[in-house]
């Protein structure tokens, strides 16, 4: 099983310990790239892809590394809408 498949499997299990770094890695495998929303974006990070219409915005958690439950739900929903998972 590839790293991409492992991350998709973990995300779909709705884990409590899915980190921002894991989300960023998975989105990279899916051709999304990270872009900060500008100087005033704070911890907001947007992921875009030329291949997909979805723009995924996540707040980078701090001081913790794990995404909040609602962020995991939103990420799953967006990726399902694009047919990626």
PDB file of N, CA and C in Angstrom:
ATOM      1  N   UNK A   1       0.845  -1.175   0.000  1.00  0.00           N
ATOM      2  CA  UNK A   1       0.000   0.000   0.000  1.00  0.00           C
ATOM      3  C   UNK A   1       0.898   1.247   0.000  1.00  0.00           C
ATOM      4  N   UNK A   2       0.588   2.163  -0.902  1.00  0.00           N
ATOM      5  CA  UNK A   2       1.404   3.379  -1.018  1.00  0.00           C
ATOM      6  C   UNK A   2       1.085   4.355   0.122  1.00  0.00           C
ATOM      7  N   UNK A   3       1.955   5.337   0.299  1.00  0.00           N
ATOM      8  CA  UNK A   3       1.746   6.363   1.325  1.00  0.00           C
ATOM      9  C   UNK A   3       0.435   7.105   1.056  1.00  0.00           C
ATOM     10  N   UNK A   4       0.159   7.396  -0.217  1.00  0.00           N
ATOM     11  CA  UNK A   4      -1.088   8.073  -0.583  1.00  0.00           C
ATOM     12  C   UNK A   4      -2.293   7.248  -0.152  1.00  0.00           C
ATOM     13  N   UNK A   5      -2.281   5.955  -0.436  1.00  0.00           N
ATOM     14  CA  UNK A   5      -3.394   5.077  -0.069  1.00  0.00           C
ATOM     15  C   UNK A   5      -3.551   4.986   1.443  1.00  0.00           C
ATOM     16  N   UNK A   6      -2.430   4.956   2.158  1.00  0.00           N
ATOM     17  CA  UNK A   6      -2.486   4.904   3.625  1.00  0.00           C
ATOM     18  C   UNK A   6      -3.123   6.159   4.197  1.00  0.00           C
ATOM     19  N   UNK A   7      -2.752   7.316   3.640  1.00  0.00           N
ATOM     20  CA  UNK A   7      -3.317   8.577   4.124  1.00  0.00           C
ATOM     21  C   UNK A   7      -4.810   8.678   3.812  1.00  0.00           C
ATOM     22  N   UNK A   8      -5.211   8.237   2.629  1.00  0.00           N
ATOM     23  CA  UNK A   8      -6.632   8.246   2.272  1.00  0.00           C
ATOM     24  C   UNK A   8      -7.405   7.326   3.206  1.00  0.00           C
ATOM     25  N   UNK A   9      -6.869   6.152   3.439  1.00  0.00           N
ATOM     26  CA  UNK A   9      -7.526   5.200   4.339  1.00  0.00           C
ATOM     27  C   UNK A   9      -7.659   5.770   5.750  1.00  0.00           C
ATOM     28  N   UNK A  10      -6.600   6.395   6.226  1.00  0.00           N
ATOM     29  CA  UNK A  10      -6.638   6.981   7.569  1.00  0.00           C
ATOM     30  C   UNK A  10      -7.658   8.112   7.622  1.00  0.00           C
ATOM     31  N   UNK A  11      -7.665   8.986   6.626  1.00  0.00           N
ATOM     32  CA  UNK A  11      -8.608  10.103   6.604  1.00  0.00           C
ATOM     33  C   UNK A  11     -10.049   9.609   6.589  1.00  0.00           C
ATOM     34  N   UNK A  12     -10.332   8.606   5.765  1.00  0.00           N
ATOM     35  CA  UNK A  12     -11.694   8.094   5.652  1.00  0.00           C
ATOM     36  C   UNK A  12     -12.184   7.429   6.934  1.00  0.00           C
ATOM     37  N   UNK A  13     -11.257   7.036   7.808  1.00  0.00           N
ATOM     38  CA  UNK A  13     -11.657   6.424   9.082  1.00  0.00           C
ATOM     39  C   UNK A  13     -12.033   7.482  10.120  1.00  0.00           C
ATOM     40  N   UNK A  14     -11.970   8.771   9.704  1.00  0.00           N
ATOM     41  CA  UNK A  14     -12.330   9.908  10.569  1.00  0.00           C
ATOM     42  C   UNK A  14     -11.546   9.885  11.887  1.00  0.00           C
ATOM     43  N   UNK A  15     -10.222   9.924  11.802  1.00  0.00           N
ATOM     44  CA  UNK A  15      -9.381   9.803  12.994  1.00  0.00           C
ATOM     45  C   UNK A  15      -9.357  11.070  13.840  1.00  0.00           C
ATOM     46  N   UNK A  16      -8.993  10.935  15.071  1.00  0.00           N
ATOM     47  CA  UNK A  16      -8.824  12.092  15.962  1.00  0.00           C
ATOM     48  C   UNK A  16      -7.406  12.646  15.881  1.00  0.00           C
ATOM     49  N   UNK A  17      -6.491  11.909  15.248  1.00  0.00           N
ATOM     50  CA  UNK A  17      -5.082  12.296  15.238  1.00  0.00           C
ATOM     51  C   UNK A  17      -4.541  12.592  13.835  1.00  0.00           C
ATOM     52  N   UNK A  18      -5.397  13.059  12.919  1.00  0.00           N
ATOM     53  CA  UNK A  18      -4.950  13.395  11.571  1.00  0.00           C
ATOM     54  C   UNK A  18      -4.334  14.787  11.621  1.00  0.00           C
ATOM     55  N   UNK A  19      -3.063  14.884  11.282  1.00  0.00           N
ATOM     56  CA  UNK A  19      -2.333  16.146  11.449  1.00  0.00           C
ATOM     57  C   UNK A  19      -2.426  17.019  10.199  1.00  0.00           C
ATOM     58  N   UNK A  20      -2.122  18.290  10.386  1.00  0.00           N
ATOM     59  CA  UNK A  20      -2.069  19.229   9.278  1.00  0.00           C
ATOM     60  C   UNK A  20      -1.019  18.773   8.260  1.00  0.00           C
ATOM     61  N   UNK A  21       0.116  18.300   8.742  1.00  0.00           N
ATOM     62  CA  UNK A  21       1.179  17.833   7.842  1.00  0.00           C
ATOM     63  C   UNK A  21       0.710  16.651   6.994  1.00  0.00           C
ATOM     64  N   UNK A  22      -0.056  15.738   7.596  1.00  0.00           N
ATOM     65  CA  UNK A  22      -0.592  14.601   6.834  1.00  0.00           C
ATOM     66  C   UNK A  22      -1.575  15.104   5.775  1.00  0.00           C
ATOM     67  N   UNK A  23      -2.422  16.071   6.138  1.00  0.00           N
ATOM     68  CA  UNK A  23      -3.369  16.631   5.176  1.00  0.00           C
ATOM     69  C   UNK A  23      -2.621  17.296   4.017  1.00  0.00           C
ATOM     70  N   UNK A  24      -1.583  18.056   4.341  1.00  0.00           N
ATOM     71  CA  UNK A  24      -0.799  18.732   3.308  1.00  0.00           C
ATOM     72  C   UNK A  24      -0.114  17.718   2.388  1.00  0.00           C
ATOM     73  N   UNK A  25       0.419  16.652   2.949  1.00  0.00           N
ATOM     74  CA  UNK A  25       1.058  15.602   2.151  1.00  0.00           C
ATOM     75  C   UNK A  25       0.045  14.939   1.226  1.00  0.00           C
ATOM     76  N   UNK A  26      -1.129  14.591   1.775  1.00  0.00           N
ATOM     77  CA  UNK A  26      -2.172  13.954   0.967  1.00  0.00           C
ATOM     78  C   UNK A  26      -2.615  14.872  -0.161  1.00  0.00           C
ATOM     79  N   UNK A  27      -2.850  16.132   0.138  1.00  0.00           N
ATOM     80  CA  UNK A  27      -3.271  17.072  -0.895  1.00  0.00           C
ATOM     81  C   UNK A  27      -2.187  17.237  -1.966  1.00  0.00           C
ATOM     82  N   UNK A  28      -0.931  17.155  -1.564  1.00  0.00           N
ATOM     83  CA  UNK A  28       0.161  17.189  -2.533  1.00  0.00           C
ATOM     84  C   UNK A  28       0.106  16.004  -3.492  1.00  0.00           C
ATOM     85  N   UNK A  29      -0.191  14.820  -2.958  1.00  0.00           N
ATOM     86  CA  UNK A  29      -0.337  13.632  -3.807  1.00  0.00           C
ATOM     87  C   UNK A  29      -1.480  13.810  -4.796  1.00  0.00           C
ATOM     88  N   UNK A  30      -2.485  14.604  -4.406  1.00  0.00           N
ATOM     89  CA  UNK A  30      -3.666  14.819  -5.242  1.00  0.00           C
ATOM     90  C   UNK A  30      -3.543  16.066  -6.113  1.00  0.00           C
ATOM     91  N   UNK A  31      -2.352  16.564  -6.307  1.00  0.00           N
ATOM     92  CA  UNK A  31      -1.959  17.702  -7.152  1.00  0.00           C
ATOM     93  C   UNK A  31      -2.383  19.067  -6.622  1.00  0.00           C
ATOM     94  N   UNK A  32      -2.727  19.151  -5.344  1.00  0.00           N
ATOM     95  CA  UNK A  32      -3.017  20.452  -4.747  1.00  0.00           C
ATOM     96  C   UNK A  32      -1.707  21.052  -4.264  1.00  0.00           C
ATOM     97  N   UNK A  33      -1.623  22.369  -4.340  1.00  0.00           N
ATOM     98  CA  UNK A  33      -0.437  23.039  -3.817  1.00  0.00           C
ATOM     99  C   UNK A  33      -0.877  24.107  -2.817  1.00  0.00           C
ATOM    100  N   UNK A  34      -0.027  24.362  -1.884  1.00  0.00           N
ATOM    101  CA  UNK A  34      -0.309  25.274  -0.778  1.00  0.00           C
ATOM    102  C   UNK A  34      -0.039  26.712  -1.188  1.00  0.00           C
ATOM    103  N   UNK A  35      -0.933  27.589  -0.775  1.00  0.00           N
ATOM    104  CA  UNK A  35      -0.685  29.011  -0.960  1.00  0.00           C
ATOM    105  C   UNK A  35      -1.290  29.744   0.223  1.00  0.00           C
ATOM    106  N   UNK A  36      -0.502  30.582   0.863  1.00  0.00           N
ATOM    107  CA  UNK A  36      -1.040  31.391   1.945  1.00  0.00           C
ATOM    108  C   UNK A  36      -1.966  32.425   1.328  1.00  0.00           C
ATOM    109  N   UNK A  37      -3.001  32.791   2.053  1.00  0.00           N
ATOM    110  CA  UNK A  37      -4.012  33.682   1.501  1.00  0.00           C
ATOM    111  C   UNK A  37      -3.582  35.141   1.491  1.00  0.00           C
ATOM    112  N   UNK A  38      -2.378  35.444   1.890  1.00  0.00           N
ATOM    113  CA  UNK A  38      -1.906  36.820   1.898  1.00  0.00           C
ATOM    114  C   UNK A  38      -1.313  37.176   3.242  1.00  0.00           C
ATOM    115  N   UNK A  39      -0.851  38.391   3.353  1.00  0.00           N
ATOM    116  CA  UNK A  39      -0.169  38.814   4.575  1.00  0.00           C
ATOM    117  C   UNK A  39      -1.064  38.764   5.800  1.00  0.00           C
ATOM    118  N   UNK A  40      -2.350  38.965   5.607  1.00  0.00           N
ATOM    119  CA  UNK A  40      -3.266  38.997   6.754  1.00  0.00           C
ATOM    120  C   UNK A  40      -4.001  37.680   6.961  1.00  0.00           C
ATOM    121  N   UNK A  41      -3.529  36.624   6.338  1.00  0.00           N
ATOM    122  CA  UNK A  41      -4.248  35.348   6.410  1.00  0.00           C
ATOM    123  C   UNK A  41      -4.063  34.645   7.743  1.00  0.00           C
ATOM    124  N   UNK A  42      -3.066  35.034   8.522  1.00  0.00           N
ATOM    125  CA  UNK A  42      -2.837  34.360   9.794  1.00  0.00           C
ATOM    126  C   UNK A  42      -2.501  32.901   9.562  1.00  0.00           C
ATOM    127  N   UNK A  43      -3.262  32.028  10.193  1.00  0.00           N
ATOM    128  CA  UNK A  43      -2.981  30.600  10.073  1.00  0.00           C
ATOM    129  C   UNK A  43      -3.815  29.949   8.972  1.00  0.00           C
ATOM    130  N   UNK A  44      -4.553  30.739   8.199  1.00  0.00           N
ATOM    131  CA  UNK A  44      -5.345  30.181   7.103  1.00  0.00           C
ATOM    132  C   UNK A  44      -4.447  29.841   5.925  1.00  0.00           C
ATOM    133  N   UNK A  45      -4.630  28.641   5.416  1.00  0.00           N
ATOM    134  CA  UNK A  45      -3.842  28.162   4.285  1.00  0.00           C
ATOM    135  C   UNK A  45      -4.803  27.637   3.236  1.00  0.00           C
ATOM    136  N   UNK A  46      -4.596  28.030   1.978  1.00  0.00           N
ATOM    137  CA  UNK A  46      -5.446  27.546   0.901  1.00  0.00           C
ATOM    138  C   UNK A  46      -4.656  26.573   0.035  1.00  0.00           C
ATOM    139  N   UNK A  47      -5.345  25.532  -0.402  1.00  0.00           N
ATOM    140  CA  UNK A  47      -4.767  24.550  -1.314  1.00  0.00           C
ATOM    141  C   UNK A  47      -5.564  24.611  -2.611  1.00  0.00           C
ATOM    142  N   UNK A  48      -4.872  24.764  -3.731  1.00  0.00           N
ATOM    143  CA  UNK A  48      -5.523  24.825  -5.031  1.00  0.00           C
ATOM    144  C   UNK A  48      -4.866  23.824  -5.975  1.00  0.00           C
ATOM    145  N   UNK A  49      -5.603  23.497  -7.027  1.00  0.00           N
ATOM    146  CA  UNK A  49      -5.087  22.570  -8.033  1.00  0.00           C
ATOM    147  C   UNK A  49      -5.576  23.020  -9.402  1.00  0.00           C
ATOM    148  N   UNK A  50      -4.722  22.916 -10.387  1.00  0.00           N
ATOM    149  CA  UNK A  50      -5.138  23.229 -11.751  1.00  0.00           C
ATOM    150  C   UNK A  50      -6.109  22.186 -12.292  1.00  0.00           C
ATOM    151  N   UNK A  51      -6.064  20.983 -11.731  1.00  0.00           N
ATOM    152  CA  UNK A  51      -6.880  19.882 -12.227  1.00  0.00           C
ATOM    153  C   UNK A  51      -8.284  19.841 -11.625  1.00  0.00           C
ATOM    154  N   UNK A  52      -8.505  20.528 -10.501  1.00  0.00           N
ATOM    155  CA  UNK A  52      -9.784  20.452  -9.799  1.00  0.00           C
ATOM    156  C   UNK A  52     -10.286  21.846  -9.457  1.00  0.00           C
ATOM    157  N   UNK A  53     -11.596  21.988  -9.418  1.00  0.00           N
ATOM    158  CA  UNK A  53     -12.181  23.301  -9.139  1.00  0.00           C
ATOM    159  C   UNK A  53     -12.164  23.646  -7.652  1.00  0.00           C
ATOM    160  N   UNK A  54     -12.058  22.651  -6.794  1.00  0.00           N
ATOM    161  CA  UNK A  54     -12.122  22.883  -5.351  1.00  0.00           C
ATOM    162  C   UNK A  54     -10.945  23.720  -4.868  1.00  0.00           C
ATOM    163  N   UNK A  55     -11.250  24.648  -3.988  1.00  0.00           N
ATOM    164  CA  UNK A  55     -10.223  25.382  -3.250  1.00  0.00           C
ATOM    165  C   UNK A  55     -10.434  24.997  -1.797  1.00  0.00           C
ATOM    166  N   UNK A  56      -9.438  24.397  -1.213  1.00  0.00           N
ATOM    167  CA  UNK A  56      -9.553  23.880   0.145  1.00  0.00           C
ATOM    168  C   UNK A  56      -8.826  24.821   1.090  1.00  0.00           C
ATOM    169  N   UNK A  57      -9.553  25.349   2.061  1.00  0.00           N
ATOM    170  CA  UNK A  57      -8.975  26.255   3.046  1.00  0.00           C
ATOM    171  C   UNK A  57      -8.962  25.557   4.395  1.00  0.00           C
ATOM    172  N   UNK A  58      -7.811  25.547   5.021  1.00  0.00           N
ATOM    173  CA  UNK A  58      -7.663  24.968   6.358  1.00  0.00           C
ATOM    174  C   UNK A  58      -6.976  25.977   7.261  1.00  0.00           C
ATOM    175  N   UNK A  59      -7.343  25.967   8.506  1.00  0.00           N
ATOM    176  CA  UNK A  59      -6.599  26.726   9.499  1.00  0.00           C
ATOM    177  C   UNK A  59      -5.512  25.805  10.031  1.00  0.00           C
ATOM    178  N   UNK A  60      -4.291  26.276   9.975  1.00  0.00           N
ATOM    179  CA  UNK A  60      -3.188  25.485  10.515  1.00  0.00           C
ATOM    180  C   UNK A  60      -3.307  25.527  12.038  1.00  0.00           C
ATOM    181  N   UNK A  61      -3.513  24.364  12.649  1.00  0.00           N
ATOM    182  CA  UNK A  61      -3.723  24.358  14.096  1.00  0.00           C
ATOM    183  C   UNK A  61      -2.451  24.698  14.866  1.00  0.00           C
ATOM    184  N   UNK A  62      -2.635  25.382  15.971  1.00  0.00           N
ATOM    185  CA  UNK A  62      -1.497  25.705  16.833  1.00  0.00           C
ATOM    186  C   UNK A  62      -2.026  25.884  18.241  1.00  0.00           C
ATOM    187  N   UNK A  63      -1.401  25.459  19.251  1.00  0.00           N
ATOM    188  CA  UNK A  63      -0.089  24.806  19.231  1.00  0.00           C
ATOM    189  C   UNK A  63      -0.164  23.323  18.871  1.00  0.00           C
ATOM    190  N   UNK A  64      -1.369  22.771  18.832  1.00  0.00           N
ATOM    191  CA  UNK A  64      -1.506  21.352  18.487  1.00  0.00           C
ATOM    192  C   UNK A  64      -1.230  21.130  17.009  1.00  0.00           C
ATOM    193  N   UNK A  65      -1.011  19.897  16.634  1.00  0.00           N
ATOM    194  CA  UNK A  65      -0.727  19.571  15.240  1.00  0.00           C
ATOM    195  C   UNK A  65      -1.914  18.911  14.553  1.00  0.00           C
ATOM    196  N   UNK A  66      -2.839  18.358  15.356  1.00  0.00           N
ATOM    197  CA  UNK A  66      -3.966  17.614  14.809  1.00  0.00           C
ATOM    198  C   UNK A  66      -5.067  18.576  14.345  1.00  0.00           C
ATOM    199  N   UNK A  67      -5.702  18.191  13.242  1.00  0.00           N
ATOM    200  CA  UNK A  67      -6.843  18.953  12.761  1.00  0.00           C
ATOM    201  C   UNK A  67      -8.033  18.722  13.681  1.00  0.00           C
ATOM    202  N   UNK A  68      -8.907  19.692  13.755  1.00  0.00           N
ATOM    203  CA  UNK A  68     -10.147  19.558  14.520  1.00  0.00           C
ATOM    204  C   UNK A  68     -11.109  18.656  13.755  1.00  0.00           C
ATOM    205  N   UNK A  69     -12.088  18.102  14.485  1.00  0.00           N
ATOM    206  CA  UNK A  69     -13.059  17.195  13.866  1.00  0.00           C
ATOM    207  C   UNK A  69     -13.753  17.838  12.660  1.00  0.00           C
ATOM    208  N   UNK A  70     -14.179  19.094  12.810  1.00  0.00           N
ATOM    209  CA  UNK A  70     -14.898  19.748  11.714  1.00  0.00           C
ATOM    210  C   UNK A  70     -14.003  19.922  10.488  1.00  0.00           C
ATOM    211  N   UNK A  71     -12.693  20.126  10.692  1.00  0.00           N
ATOM    212  CA  UNK A  71     -11.777  20.272   9.565  1.00  0.00           C
ATOM    213  C   UNK A  71     -11.635  18.955   8.813  1.00  0.00           C
ATOM    214  N   UNK A  72     -11.579  17.870   9.553  1.00  0.00           N
ATOM    215  CA  UNK A  72     -11.483  16.546   8.928  1.00  0.00           C
ATOM    216  C   UNK A  72     -12.748  16.273   8.124  1.00  0.00           C
ATOM    217  N   UNK A  73     -13.920  16.583   8.707  1.00  0.00           N
ATOM    218  CA  UNK A  73     -15.181  16.388   7.997  1.00  0.00           C
ATOM    219  C   UNK A  73     -15.231  17.218   6.714  1.00  0.00           C
ATOM    220  N   UNK A  74     -14.802  18.480   6.785  1.00  0.00           N
ATOM    221  CA  UNK A  74     -14.806  19.344   5.603  1.00  0.00           C
ATOM    222  C   UNK A  74     -13.846  18.821   4.539  1.00  0.00           C
ATOM    223  N   UNK A  75     -12.687  18.364   4.950  1.00  0.00           N
ATOM    224  CA  UNK A  75     -11.698  17.845   4.004  1.00  0.00           C
ATOM    225  C   UNK A  75     -12.243  16.609   3.295  1.00  0.00           C
ATOM    226  N   UNK A  76     -12.840  15.702   4.054  1.00  0.00           N
ATOM    227  CA  UNK A  76     -13.432  14.499   3.459  1.00  0.00           C
ATOM    228  C   UNK A  76     -14.520  14.894   2.458  1.00  0.00           C
ATOM    229  N   UNK A  77     -15.389  15.815   2.856  1.00  0.00           N
ATOM    230  CA  UNK A  77     -16.490  16.235   1.993  1.00  0.00           C
ATOM    231  C   UNK A  77     -15.983  16.849   0.682  1.00  0.00           C
ATOM    232  N   UNK A  78     -15.001  17.734   0.775  1.00  0.00           N
ATOM    233  CA  UNK A  78     -14.466  18.360  -0.431  1.00  0.00           C
ATOM    234  C   UNK A  78     -13.815  17.341  -1.371  1.00  0.00           C
ATOM    235  N   UNK A  79     -13.040  16.426  -0.804  1.00  0.00           N
ATOM    236  CA  UNK A  79     -12.363  15.429  -1.630  1.00  0.00           C
ATOM    237  C   UNK A  79     -13.359  14.448  -2.247  1.00  0.00           C
ATOM    238  N   UNK A  80     -14.437  14.137  -1.527  1.00  0.00           N
ATOM    239  CA  UNK A  80     -15.478  13.272  -2.081  1.00  0.00           C
ATOM    240  C   UNK A  80     -16.220  13.971  -3.216  1.00  0.00           C
ATOM    241  N   UNK A  81     -16.496  15.268  -3.048  1.00  0.00           N
ATOM    242  CA  UNK A  81     -17.179  16.026  -4.103  1.00  0.00           C
ATOM    243  C   UNK A  81     -16.370  16.054  -5.391  1.00  0.00           C
ATOM    244  N   UNK A  82     -15.059  16.085  -5.257  1.00  0.00           N
ATOM    245  CA  UNK A  82     -14.187  16.083  -6.435  1.00  0.00           C
ATOM    246  C   UNK A  82     -13.928  14.669  -6.963  1.00  0.00           C
ATOM    247  N   UNK A  83     -14.445  13.661  -6.263  1.00  0.00           N
ATOM    248  CA  UNK A  83     -14.253  12.270  -6.688  1.00  0.00           C
ATOM    249  C   UNK A  83     -12.847  11.745  -6.438  1.00  0.00           C
ATOM    250  N   UNK A  84     -12.158  12.331  -5.461  1.00  0.00           N
ATOM    251  CA  UNK A  84     -10.764  11.955  -5.196  1.00  0.00           C
ATOM    252  C   UNK A  84     -10.625  10.860  -4.150  1.00  0.00           C
ATOM    253  N   UNK A  85     -11.637  10.708  -3.316  1.00  0.00           N
ATOM    254  CA  UNK A  85     -11.618   9.611  -2.331  1.00  0.00           C
ATOM    255  C   UNK A  85     -12.972   8.927  -2.314  1.00  0.00           C
TER     256      UNK A  85
END
